[in-house]
């Protein structure tokens, strides 16, 4: 039996592992992931308890959700394209992202200080949709060989 190493499948699995590890943080550790931004805000005079600081912390965390799943969708699509199973790939990518996000929220229900939120699944799926749109746009640009930035 011959073993074939697939870099795109490996990248997809590793990214899924990163998402799993990030969601495995307890509530306290999870809240501290946006700590660098909060320290910068304090330096600029926006102190703890400020409504601006709370809102920005929330936005940073949700942008993290969005970005994690945007990347997941792109990695999934790249793997599917390599395998030659491009039919209905956009739909499959969105379904994959939705199901993985749902399982991630279920997983968080077992982590102290964390809990599942369907709104996070929707944000994750929106990130996946953005990833699908970006990937498909890039593919169409490459197929037509249209330069993104033309010097003329």
C-alpha atoms as a PDB file:
ATOM      1  CA  UNK A   1       0.000   0.000   0.000  1.00  0.00           C
ATOM      2  CA  UNK A   2       1.388   3.369  -1.034  1.00  0.00           C
ATOM      3  CA  UNK A   3       1.021   6.463   1.137  1.00  0.00           C
ATOM      4  CA  UNK A   4       0.325   9.746  -0.657  1.00  0.00           C
ATOM      5  CA  UNK A   5       0.919  12.909   1.325  1.00  0.00           C
ATOM      6  CA  UNK A   6      -1.645  15.573   0.470  1.00  0.00           C
ATOM      7  CA  UNK A   7      -0.557  19.040   1.557  1.00  0.00           C
ATOM      8  CA  UNK A   8      -3.976  20.646   1.003  1.00  0.00           C
ATOM      9  CA  UNK A   9      -5.789  18.014   3.057  1.00  0.00           C
ATOM     10  CA  UNK A  10      -3.143  18.372   5.759  1.00  0.00           C
ATOM     11  CA  UNK A  11      -3.554  22.157   5.790  1.00  0.00           C
ATOM     12  CA  UNK A  12      -7.332  21.756   6.088  1.00  0.00           C
ATOM     13  CA  UNK A  13      -6.996  19.322   9.001  1.00  0.00           C
ATOM     14  CA  UNK A  14      -4.405  21.480  10.764  1.00  0.00           C
ATOM     15  CA  UNK A  15      -6.656  24.537  10.477  1.00  0.00           C
ATOM     16  CA  UNK A  16      -9.561  22.538  11.895  1.00  0.00           C
ATOM     17  CA  UNK A  17      -7.249  21.651  14.783  1.00  0.00           C
ATOM     18  CA  UNK A  18      -6.406  25.322  15.342  1.00  0.00           C
ATOM     19  CA  UNK A  19     -10.119  26.170  15.506  1.00  0.00           C
ATOM     20  CA  UNK A  20     -10.694  23.282  17.914  1.00  0.00           C
ATOM     21  CA  UNK A  21      -7.849  24.402  20.190  1.00  0.00           C
ATOM     22  CA  UNK A  22      -9.059  28.014  20.192  1.00  0.00           C
ATOM     23  CA  UNK A  23     -12.557  26.905  21.144  1.00  0.00           C
ATOM     24  CA  UNK A  24     -11.149  24.626  23.836  1.00  0.00           C
ATOM     25  CA  UNK A  25      -9.923  27.617  25.863  1.00  0.00           C
ATOM     26  CA  UNK A  26     -11.878  28.258  29.034  1.00  0.00           C
ATOM     27  CA  UNK A  27     -13.948  31.441  29.333  1.00  0.00           C
ATOM     28  CA  UNK A  28     -11.165  33.455  30.995  1.00  0.00           C
ATOM     29  CA  UNK A  29      -8.479  32.503  28.464  1.00  0.00           C
ATOM     30  CA  UNK A  30     -10.883  33.093  25.585  1.00  0.00           C
ATOM     31  CA  UNK A  31     -11.639  36.611  26.792  1.00  0.00           C
ATOM     32  CA  UNK A  32      -7.928  37.378  26.995  1.00  0.00           C
ATOM     33  CA  UNK A  33      -7.267  36.552  23.334  1.00  0.00           C
ATOM     34  CA  UNK A  34      -8.172  40.129  22.395  1.00  0.00           C
ATOM     35  CA  UNK A  35      -5.963  41.430  25.226  1.00  0.00           C
ATOM     36  CA  UNK A  36      -3.416  43.089  22.951  1.00  0.00           C
ATOM     37  CA  UNK A  37      -6.094  45.363  21.521  1.00  0.00           C
ATOM     38  CA  UNK A  38      -7.408  46.132  25.000  1.00  0.00           C
ATOM     39  CA  UNK A  39      -3.915  47.073  26.201  1.00  0.00           C
ATOM     40  CA  UNK A  40      -3.510  49.362  23.193  1.00  0.00           C
ATOM     41  CA  UNK A  41      -6.859  50.996  23.977  1.00  0.00           C
ATOM     42  CA  UNK A  42      -5.821  51.550  27.593  1.00  0.00           C
ATOM     43  CA  UNK A  43      -2.610  53.148  26.345  1.00  0.00           C
ATOM     44  CA  UNK A  44      -4.727  55.511  24.224  1.00  0.00           C
ATOM     45  CA  UNK A  45      -6.828  56.460  27.252  1.00  0.00           C
ATOM     46  CA  UNK A  46      -9.829  54.173  26.783  1.00  0.00           C
ATOM     47  CA  UNK A  47      -9.881  52.495  30.184  1.00  0.00           C
ATOM     48  CA  UNK A  48     -11.397  49.251  31.451  1.00  0.00           C
ATOM     49  CA  UNK A  49     -15.158  49.278  31.614  1.00  0.00           C
ATOM     50  CA  UNK A  50     -15.453  51.832  28.826  1.00  0.00           C
ATOM     51  CA  UNK A  51     -18.297  51.140  26.422  1.00  0.00           C
ATOM     52  CA  UNK A  52     -15.891  51.697  23.517  1.00  0.00           C
ATOM     53  CA  UNK A  53     -13.496  49.100  24.899  1.00  0.00           C
ATOM     54  CA  UNK A  54     -16.291  46.578  25.422  1.00  0.00           C
ATOM     55  CA  UNK A  55     -17.675  47.100  21.932  1.00  0.00           C
ATOM     56  CA  UNK A  56     -14.254  46.825  20.293  1.00  0.00           C
ATOM     57  CA  UNK A  57     -13.433  43.688  22.259  1.00  0.00           C
ATOM     58  CA  UNK A  58     -16.705  42.144  21.073  1.00  0.00           C
ATOM     59  CA  UNK A  59     -16.024  43.143  17.456  1.00  0.00           C
ATOM     60  CA  UNK A  60     -12.485  41.733  17.560  1.00  0.00           C
ATOM     61  CA  UNK A  61     -13.732  38.395  18.885  1.00  0.00           C
ATOM     62  CA  UNK A  62     -16.481  38.158  16.257  1.00  0.00           C
ATOM     63  CA  UNK A  63     -14.055  39.188  13.493  1.00  0.00           C
ATOM     64  CA  UNK A  64     -11.872  36.311  14.678  1.00  0.00           C
ATOM     65  CA  UNK A  65     -14.788  33.900  14.226  1.00  0.00           C
ATOM     66  CA  UNK A  66     -15.477  35.303  10.760  1.00  0.00           C
ATOM     67  CA  UNK A  67     -11.831  35.070   9.677  1.00  0.00           C
ATOM     68  CA  UNK A  68     -11.277  31.553  11.050  1.00  0.00           C
ATOM     69  CA  UNK A  69     -14.119  30.185   8.963  1.00  0.00           C
ATOM     70  CA  UNK A  70     -13.290  32.270   5.875  1.00  0.00           C
ATOM     71  CA  UNK A  71      -9.910  30.519   5.881  1.00  0.00           C
ATOM     72  CA  UNK A  72     -11.564  27.135   6.519  1.00  0.00           C
ATOM     73  CA  UNK A  73     -13.822  27.560   3.478  1.00  0.00           C
ATOM     74  CA  UNK A  74     -10.904  28.527   1.226  1.00  0.00           C
ATOM     75  CA  UNK A  75      -8.828  25.548   2.394  1.00  0.00           C
ATOM     76  CA  UNK A  76     -11.804  23.241   1.825  1.00  0.00           C
ATOM     77  CA  UNK A  77     -12.338  24.591  -1.708  1.00  0.00           C
ATOM     78  CA  UNK A  78      -8.639  24.262  -2.570  1.00  0.00           C
ATOM     79  CA  UNK A  79      -8.699  20.629  -1.432  1.00  0.00           C
ATOM     80  CA  UNK A  80     -11.868  19.885  -3.412  1.00  0.00           C
ATOM     81  CA  UNK A  81     -10.418  21.479  -6.544  1.00  0.00           C
ATOM     82  CA  UNK A  82      -7.242  19.437  -6.253  1.00  0.00           C
ATOM     83  CA  UNK A  83      -9.282  16.240  -5.985  1.00  0.00           C
ATOM     84  CA  UNK A  84     -11.232  17.177  -9.101  1.00  0.00           C
ATOM     85  CA  UNK A  85     -14.547  17.243  -7.263  1.00  0.00           C
ATOM     86  CA  UNK A  86     -15.382  20.814  -8.179  1.00  0.00           C
ATOM     87  CA  UNK A  87     -19.083  20.291  -8.841  1.00  0.00           C
ATOM     88  CA  UNK A  88     -21.220  21.998  -6.227  1.00  0.00           C
ATOM     89  CA  UNK A  89     -18.075  22.835  -4.270  1.00  0.00           C
ATOM     90  CA  UNK A  90     -19.430  26.193  -3.083  1.00  0.00           C
ATOM     91  CA  UNK A  91     -22.496  24.530  -1.579  1.00  0.00           C
ATOM     92  CA  UNK A  92     -20.394  21.743  -0.057  1.00  0.00           C
ATOM     93  CA  UNK A  93     -17.987  24.299   1.433  1.00  0.00           C
ATOM     94  CA  UNK A  94     -20.840  26.247   3.042  1.00  0.00           C
ATOM     95  CA  UNK A  95     -22.414  23.070   4.388  1.00  0.00           C
ATOM     96  CA  UNK A  96     -19.027  21.927   5.721  1.00  0.00           C
ATOM     97  CA  UNK A  97     -18.415  25.297   7.407  1.00  0.00           C
ATOM     98  CA  UNK A  98     -21.907  25.345   8.920  1.00  0.00           C
ATOM     99  CA  UNK A  99     -21.587  21.803  10.276  1.00  0.00           C
ATOM    100  CA  UNK A 100     -18.087  22.379  11.654  1.00  0.00           C
ATOM    101  CA  UNK A 101     -19.176  25.660  13.264  1.00  0.00           C
ATOM    102  CA  UNK A 102     -22.176  23.887  14.808  1.00  0.00           C
ATOM    103  CA  UNK A 103     -19.965  21.112  16.174  1.00  0.00           C
ATOM    104  CA  UNK A 104     -17.559  23.749  17.495  1.00  0.00           C
ATOM    105  CA  UNK A 105     -20.351  25.489  19.407  1.00  0.00           C
ATOM    106  CA  UNK A 106     -21.516  22.119  20.765  1.00  0.00           C
ATOM    107  CA  UNK A 107     -17.939  21.446  21.872  1.00  0.00           C
ATOM    108  CA  UNK A 108     -17.864  24.809  23.677  1.00  0.00           C
ATOM    109  CA  UNK A 109     -20.863  23.766  25.773  1.00  0.00           C
ATOM    110  CA  UNK A 110     -18.501  21.411  27.634  1.00  0.00           C
ATOM    111  CA  UNK A 111     -15.834  24.066  28.307  1.00  0.00           C
ATOM    112  CA  UNK A 112     -15.970  25.939  31.656  1.00  0.00           C
ATOM    113  CA  UNK A 113     -17.014  29.542  31.223  1.00  0.00           C
ATOM    114  CA  UNK A 114     -18.083  29.000  27.594  1.00  0.00           C
ATOM    115  CA  UNK A 115     -21.374  28.191  26.018  1.00  0.00           C
ATOM    116  CA  UNK A 116     -22.885  27.586  22.608  1.00  0.00           C
ATOM    117  CA  UNK A 117     -24.285  30.525  20.641  1.00  0.00           C
ATOM    118  CA  UNK A 118     -26.157  30.084  17.388  1.00  0.00           C
ATOM    119  CA  UNK A 119     -25.227  33.673  16.520  1.00  0.00           C
ATOM    120  CA  UNK A 120     -21.587  32.520  16.410  1.00  0.00           C
ATOM    121  CA  UNK A 121     -22.557  29.738  13.978  1.00  0.00           C
ATOM    122  CA  UNK A 122     -24.156  32.382  11.759  1.00  0.00           C
ATOM    123  CA  UNK A 123     -21.067  34.609  11.960  1.00  0.00           C
ATOM    124  CA  UNK A 124     -18.847  31.605  11.169  1.00  0.00           C
ATOM    125  CA  UNK A 125     -21.038  30.660   8.208  1.00  0.00           C
ATOM    126  CA  UNK A 126     -20.958  34.267   6.950  1.00  0.00           C
ATOM    127  CA  UNK A 127     -17.162  34.047   7.079  1.00  0.00           C
ATOM    128  CA  UNK A 128     -17.351  30.812   5.098  1.00  0.00           C
ATOM    129  CA  UNK A 129     -19.602  32.515   2.543  1.00  0.00           C
ATOM    130  CA  UNK A 130     -17.093  35.356   2.212  1.00  0.00           C
ATOM    131  CA  UNK A 131     -14.349  32.763   1.695  1.00  0.00           C
ATOM    132  CA  UNK A 132     -16.372  31.034  -1.025  1.00  0.00           C
ATOM    133  CA  UNK A 133     -17.038  34.357  -2.773  1.00  0.00           C
ATOM    134  CA  UNK A 134     -13.365  35.377  -2.626  1.00  0.00           C
ATOM    135  CA  UNK A 135     -12.185  31.979  -3.825  1.00  0.00           C
ATOM    136  CA  UNK A 136     -14.663  31.853  -6.709  1.00  0.00           C
ATOM    137  CA  UNK A 137     -13.806  35.430  -7.726  1.00  0.00           C
ATOM    138  CA  UNK A 138     -10.100  34.597  -7.713  1.00  0.00           C
ATOM    139  CA  UNK A 139     -10.718  31.469  -9.804  1.00  0.00           C
ATOM    140  CA  UNK A 140     -12.703  33.429 -12.392  1.00  0.00           C
ATOM    141  CA  UNK A 141     -10.004  36.088 -12.599  1.00  0.00           C
ATOM    142  CA  UNK A 142      -7.327  33.422 -13.108  1.00  0.00           C
ATOM    143  CA  UNK A 143      -9.404  31.551 -15.706  1.00  0.00           C
ATOM    144  CA  UNK A 144      -9.887  34.689 -17.766  1.00  0.00           C
ATOM    145  CA  UNK A 145      -6.306  35.738 -17.136  1.00  0.00           C
ATOM    146  CA  UNK A 146      -7.518  39.219 -16.359  1.00  0.00           C
ATOM    147  CA  UNK A 147      -4.803  41.162 -14.569  1.00  0.00           C
ATOM    148  CA  UNK A 148      -6.028  42.419 -11.202  1.00  0.00           C
ATOM    149  CA  UNK A 149      -3.882  45.544 -11.447  1.00  0.00           C
ATOM    150  CA  UNK A 150      -3.239  46.679 -14.981  1.00  0.00           C
ATOM    151  CA  UNK A 151      -0.448  49.108 -15.679  1.00  0.00           C
ATOM    152  CA  UNK A 152      -2.277  50.564 -18.694  1.00  0.00           C
END
